[in-house]
Amino acid sequence: MTEKTKLTGGLEKTVTWVWLENNQLKIEYYDFSEEAQNTFGNDIAYILTVSDMNKICLITRQNEASLLQWLSENFQSYFEIKKWLEENKIKFEKEIDSWA
C-alpha cells in the first residue's frame, strides 16, 4: 500500500495528500464540503501527477526518500504546490474525480 502524507493547511472539509506512486509524485486535493456536494452531487478530488522526478528532485535538492517530508515542511495545501510547480516550470497532469 502506498503511504500518503497529509498536509496541514487548506479549507475546512478539505484535505491535501502527497505520495509517490510508480515513480511519480501525486498531489491530491480532496473536497468533502457541503459546497462540493451541492455543486457536484458528491465529493470531488483534483489530482496532479508529476512524472519528471529528476527535475523536481534537482530543484528541491531532495531525493525520493526525502521529498514528501520536504513538501510537508514547505507547503500547506494543494494550491501552494500547484503554484510552485507552475512557477518552476515543472510539468504535471491534472485529473478531476467527481465521484470521489
N, C-alpha and C. Protein backbone atom coordinates (compact mmCIF):
# COMPACT_ATOMS: atom_id res chain seq x y z
N MET A 1 0.83 -1.18 0.00
CA MET A 1 0.00 0.00 0.00
C MET A 1 0.87 1.24 0.00
N THR A 2 0.47 2.25 -0.75
CA THR A 2 1.22 3.49 -0.87
C THR A 2 0.95 4.36 0.36
N GLU A 3 2.03 4.83 0.99
CA GLU A 3 1.89 5.69 2.15
C GLU A 3 1.69 7.13 1.69
N LYS A 4 0.63 7.76 2.20
CA LYS A 4 0.32 9.13 1.85
C LYS A 4 0.66 10.05 3.02
N THR A 5 1.09 11.26 2.68
CA THR A 5 1.38 12.28 3.68
C THR A 5 0.32 13.36 3.58
N LYS A 6 -0.30 13.68 4.70
CA LYS A 6 -1.34 14.70 4.75
C LYS A 6 -0.70 16.05 5.08
N LEU A 7 -1.04 17.07 4.28
CA LEU A 7 -0.54 18.41 4.56
C LEU A 7 -1.44 19.09 5.59
N THR A 8 -0.94 20.12 6.25
CA THR A 8 -1.61 20.69 7.42
C THR A 8 -2.63 21.78 7.13
N GLY A 9 -2.61 22.37 5.94
CA GLY A 9 -3.47 23.51 5.68
C GLY A 9 -4.65 23.19 4.80
N GLY A 10 -5.28 24.27 4.34
CA GLY A 10 -6.42 24.12 3.44
C GLY A 10 -7.70 24.55 4.10
N LEU A 11 -8.74 24.59 3.32
CA LEU A 11 -10.05 25.00 3.80
C LEU A 11 -10.67 23.90 4.65
N GLU A 12 -11.67 24.28 5.43
CA GLU A 12 -12.39 23.31 6.23
C GLU A 12 -13.06 22.29 5.31
N LYS A 13 -13.07 21.05 5.73
CA LYS A 13 -13.65 19.92 4.98
C LYS A 13 -12.95 19.68 3.65
N THR A 14 -11.65 19.96 3.65
CA THR A 14 -10.79 19.61 2.52
C THR A 14 -9.50 19.03 3.09
N VAL A 15 -8.80 18.27 2.29
CA VAL A 15 -7.52 17.73 2.71
C VAL A 15 -6.62 17.61 1.48
N THR A 16 -5.32 17.82 1.68
CA THR A 16 -4.32 17.62 0.63
C THR A 16 -3.43 16.46 1.05
N TRP A 17 -3.27 15.52 0.12
CA TRP A 17 -2.39 14.36 0.31
C TRP A 17 -1.28 14.41 -0.73
N VAL A 18 -0.08 13.98 -0.37
CA VAL A 18 1.02 13.80 -1.32
C VAL A 18 1.58 12.40 -1.11
N TRP A 19 1.96 11.76 -2.24
CA TRP A 19 2.56 10.44 -2.16
C TRP A 19 3.30 10.14 -3.44
N LEU A 20 4.12 9.10 -3.39
CA LEU A 20 4.85 8.61 -4.56
C LEU A 20 4.20 7.32 -5.03
N GLU A 21 4.01 7.23 -6.34
CA GLU A 21 3.38 6.05 -6.93
C GLU A 21 3.94 5.83 -8.33
N ASN A 22 4.48 4.65 -8.56
CA ASN A 22 5.03 4.30 -9.88
C ASN A 22 6.03 5.34 -10.38
N ASN A 23 6.94 5.75 -9.48
CA ASN A 23 7.99 6.71 -9.81
C ASN A 23 7.42 8.07 -10.25
N GLN A 24 6.28 8.44 -9.68
CA GLN A 24 5.65 9.73 -9.94
C GLN A 24 5.22 10.33 -8.61
N LEU A 25 5.19 11.66 -8.58
CA LEU A 25 4.66 12.37 -7.42
C LEU A 25 3.18 12.63 -7.66
N LYS A 26 2.36 12.34 -6.67
CA LYS A 26 0.91 12.58 -6.75
C LYS A 26 0.55 13.59 -5.67
N ILE A 27 -0.28 14.57 -6.04
CA ILE A 27 -0.79 15.57 -5.12
C ILE A 27 -2.30 15.58 -5.28
N GLU A 28 -3.02 15.29 -4.21
CA GLU A 28 -4.48 15.20 -4.28
C GLU A 28 -5.12 16.23 -3.37
N TYR A 29 -6.09 16.95 -3.91
CA TYR A 29 -6.94 17.86 -3.14
C TYR A 29 -8.30 17.21 -3.07
N TYR A 30 -8.71 16.84 -1.88
CA TYR A 30 -9.99 16.15 -1.68
C TYR A 30 -10.94 17.09 -0.96
N ASP A 31 -12.09 17.37 -1.58
CA ASP A 31 -13.07 18.31 -1.05
C ASP A 31 -14.35 17.55 -0.71
N PHE A 32 -14.68 17.49 0.58
CA PHE A 32 -15.90 16.82 1.01
C PHE A 32 -16.85 17.80 1.69
N SER A 33 -16.76 19.07 1.25
CA SER A 33 -17.58 20.13 1.83
C SER A 33 -19.01 20.09 1.30
N GLU A 34 -19.87 20.84 1.95
CA GLU A 34 -21.26 20.96 1.52
C GLU A 34 -21.33 21.61 0.13
N GLU A 35 -20.44 22.56 -0.13
CA GLU A 35 -20.40 23.21 -1.45
C GLU A 35 -20.10 22.20 -2.56
N ALA A 36 -19.15 21.30 -2.30
CA ALA A 36 -18.85 20.26 -3.29
C ALA A 36 -20.06 19.36 -3.51
N GLN A 37 -20.71 19.01 -2.42
CA GLN A 37 -21.92 18.18 -2.52
C GLN A 37 -22.99 18.88 -3.35
N ASN A 38 -23.19 20.17 -3.10
CA ASN A 38 -24.23 20.92 -3.81
C ASN A 38 -23.87 21.14 -5.28
N THR A 39 -22.60 21.37 -5.56
CA THR A 39 -22.16 21.66 -6.91
C THR A 39 -22.05 20.40 -7.77
N PHE A 40 -21.44 19.36 -7.20
CA PHE A 40 -21.15 18.15 -7.97
C PHE A 40 -22.03 16.96 -7.61
N GLY A 41 -22.79 17.09 -6.54
CA GLY A 41 -23.63 15.99 -6.10
C GLY A 41 -22.91 14.99 -5.23
N ASN A 42 -21.64 15.20 -4.98
CA ASN A 42 -20.82 14.31 -4.16
C ASN A 42 -19.47 14.97 -3.91
N ASP A 43 -18.57 14.27 -3.24
CA ASP A 43 -17.22 14.79 -3.00
C ASP A 43 -16.48 14.89 -4.33
N ILE A 44 -15.40 15.66 -4.33
CA ILE A 44 -14.60 15.81 -5.55
C ILE A 44 -13.12 15.80 -5.18
N ALA A 45 -12.30 15.31 -6.08
CA ALA A 45 -10.86 15.29 -5.89
C ALA A 45 -10.17 15.78 -7.15
N TYR A 46 -9.14 16.59 -6.94
CA TYR A 46 -8.26 17.03 -8.02
C TYR A 46 -6.91 16.37 -7.75
N ILE A 47 -6.35 15.75 -8.76
CA ILE A 47 -5.08 15.05 -8.59
C ILE A 47 -4.08 15.53 -9.63
N LEU A 48 -2.92 15.97 -9.13
CA LEU A 48 -1.81 16.34 -10.00
C LEU A 48 -0.82 15.19 -10.01
N THR A 49 -0.29 14.89 -11.19
CA THR A 49 0.72 13.85 -11.32
C THR A 49 1.96 14.47 -11.96
N VAL A 50 3.07 14.38 -11.24
CA VAL A 50 4.36 14.88 -11.73
C VAL A 50 5.21 13.67 -12.11
N SER A 51 5.54 13.58 -13.38
CA SER A 51 6.33 12.44 -13.86
C SER A 51 7.83 12.71 -13.86
N ASP A 52 8.23 13.97 -13.97
CA ASP A 52 9.65 14.31 -14.06
C ASP A 52 10.27 14.40 -12.66
N MET A 53 10.51 13.23 -12.07
CA MET A 53 11.06 13.19 -10.72
C MET A 53 12.48 13.74 -10.67
N ASN A 54 13.24 13.58 -11.77
CA ASN A 54 14.61 14.12 -11.78
C ASN A 54 14.59 15.63 -11.61
N LYS A 55 13.70 16.31 -12.32
CA LYS A 55 13.64 17.77 -12.24
C LYS A 55 13.19 18.24 -10.87
N ILE A 56 12.16 17.62 -10.33
CA ILE A 56 11.66 18.06 -9.02
C ILE A 56 12.69 17.79 -7.93
N CYS A 57 13.41 16.67 -8.01
CA CYS A 57 14.45 16.38 -7.02
C CYS A 57 15.64 17.33 -7.16
N LEU A 58 15.98 17.68 -8.38
CA LEU A 58 17.07 18.63 -8.62
C LEU A 58 16.73 20.00 -8.04
N ILE A 59 15.54 20.49 -8.31
CA ILE A 59 15.13 21.82 -7.84
C ILE A 59 15.01 21.86 -6.32
N THR A 60 14.46 20.81 -5.72
CA THR A 60 14.26 20.79 -4.27
C THR A 60 15.50 20.35 -3.50
N ARG A 61 16.47 19.79 -4.22
CA ARG A 61 17.67 19.23 -3.61
C ARG A 61 17.33 18.08 -2.67
N GLN A 62 16.32 17.32 -3.06
CA GLN A 62 15.86 16.17 -2.29
C GLN A 62 15.98 14.93 -3.17
N ASN A 63 15.82 13.79 -2.53
CA ASN A 63 15.69 12.55 -3.29
C ASN A 63 14.30 12.00 -3.02
N GLU A 64 13.96 10.90 -3.66
CA GLU A 64 12.60 10.38 -3.49
C GLU A 64 12.30 10.03 -2.04
N ALA A 65 13.30 9.63 -1.29
CA ALA A 65 13.09 9.25 0.11
C ALA A 65 12.77 10.46 0.99
N SER A 66 13.27 11.63 0.64
CA SER A 66 13.08 12.81 1.49
C SER A 66 12.08 13.82 0.91
N LEU A 67 11.62 13.61 -0.31
CA LEU A 67 10.78 14.59 -0.99
C LEU A 67 9.46 14.85 -0.27
N LEU A 68 8.76 13.83 0.17
CA LEU A 68 7.47 14.03 0.82
C LEU A 68 7.60 14.83 2.10
N GLN A 69 8.64 14.54 2.87
CA GLN A 69 8.89 15.30 4.10
C GLN A 69 9.15 16.77 3.76
N TRP A 70 9.95 17.01 2.71
CA TRP A 70 10.26 18.38 2.28
C TRP A 70 8.98 19.11 1.87
N LEU A 71 8.12 18.45 1.12
CA LEU A 71 6.87 19.06 0.69
C LEU A 71 5.99 19.41 1.89
N SER A 72 5.90 18.50 2.86
CA SER A 72 5.05 18.76 4.03
C SER A 72 5.61 19.88 4.90
N GLU A 73 6.91 20.11 4.85
CA GLU A 73 7.52 21.19 5.63
C GLU A 73 7.43 22.54 4.92
N ASN A 74 7.25 22.53 3.61
CA ASN A 74 7.28 23.78 2.84
C ASN A 74 5.95 24.21 2.26
N PHE A 75 4.95 23.34 2.28
CA PHE A 75 3.65 23.67 1.71
C PHE A 75 2.54 23.19 2.63
N GLN A 76 1.42 23.92 2.62
CA GLN A 76 0.30 23.53 3.45
C GLN A 76 -0.87 22.99 2.64
N SER A 77 -0.86 23.22 1.31
CA SER A 77 -2.03 22.80 0.54
C SER A 77 -1.68 22.52 -0.93
N TYR A 78 -2.60 21.85 -1.57
CA TYR A 78 -2.54 21.53 -2.99
C TYR A 78 -2.27 22.78 -3.82
N PHE A 79 -2.97 23.86 -3.51
CA PHE A 79 -2.87 25.08 -4.32
C PHE A 79 -1.49 25.71 -4.23
N GLU A 80 -0.85 25.64 -3.07
CA GLU A 80 0.52 26.15 -2.93
C GLU A 80 1.48 25.32 -3.77
N ILE A 81 1.34 24.01 -3.74
CA ILE A 81 2.23 23.14 -4.53
C ILE A 81 1.99 23.37 -6.02
N LYS A 82 0.74 23.45 -6.43
CA LYS A 82 0.41 23.67 -7.84
C LYS A 82 1.05 24.97 -8.34
N LYS A 83 0.94 26.03 -7.57
CA LYS A 83 1.54 27.31 -7.94
C LYS A 83 3.06 27.18 -8.03
N TRP A 84 3.67 26.49 -7.08
CA TRP A 84 5.12 26.30 -7.08
C TRP A 84 5.57 25.50 -8.30
N LEU A 85 4.83 24.46 -8.64
CA LEU A 85 5.16 23.66 -9.84
C LEU A 85 5.11 24.54 -11.09
N GLU A 86 4.07 25.36 -11.20
CA GLU A 86 3.93 26.25 -12.36
C GLU A 86 5.07 27.27 -12.41
N GLU A 87 5.40 27.86 -11.28
CA GLU A 87 6.49 28.85 -11.22
C GLU A 87 7.83 28.24 -11.60
N ASN A 88 8.04 26.98 -11.27
CA ASN A 88 9.30 26.31 -11.57
C ASN A 88 9.27 25.52 -12.87
N LYS A 89 8.16 25.71 -13.62
CA LYS A 89 8.01 25.07 -14.93
C LYS A 89 8.20 23.55 -14.87
N ILE A 90 7.62 22.97 -13.81
CA ILE A 90 7.61 21.52 -13.66
C ILE A 90 6.26 21.04 -14.19
N LYS A 91 6.31 20.25 -15.25
CA LYS A 91 5.08 19.81 -15.90
C LYS A 91 4.34 18.79 -15.03
N PHE A 92 3.02 18.87 -15.13
CA PHE A 92 2.18 17.93 -14.42
C PHE A 92 0.90 17.71 -15.21
N GLU A 93 0.26 16.61 -14.92
CA GLU A 93 -1.05 16.31 -15.48
C GLU A 93 -2.07 16.49 -14.37
N LYS A 94 -3.24 16.99 -14.74
CA LYS A 94 -4.30 17.21 -13.76
C LYS A 94 -5.51 16.38 -14.16
N GLU A 95 -6.05 15.68 -13.16
CA GLU A 95 -7.28 14.94 -13.39
C GLU A 95 -8.29 15.31 -12.31
N ILE A 96 -9.54 15.19 -12.66
CA ILE A 96 -10.62 15.52 -11.74
C ILE A 96 -11.46 14.27 -11.55
N ASP A 97 -11.69 13.92 -10.31
CA ASP A 97 -12.53 12.78 -9.97
C ASP A 97 -13.75 13.30 -9.24
N SER A 98 -14.86 13.43 -9.95
CA SER A 98 -16.07 13.97 -9.34
C SER A 98 -16.89 12.89 -8.64
N TRP A 99 -16.38 11.68 -8.61
CA TRP A 99 -17.06 10.60 -7.90
C TRP A 99 -16.20 10.14 -6.73
N ALA A 100 -15.43 11.06 -6.18
CA ALA A 100 -14.51 10.73 -5.09
C ALA A 100 -15.24 10.16 -3.88
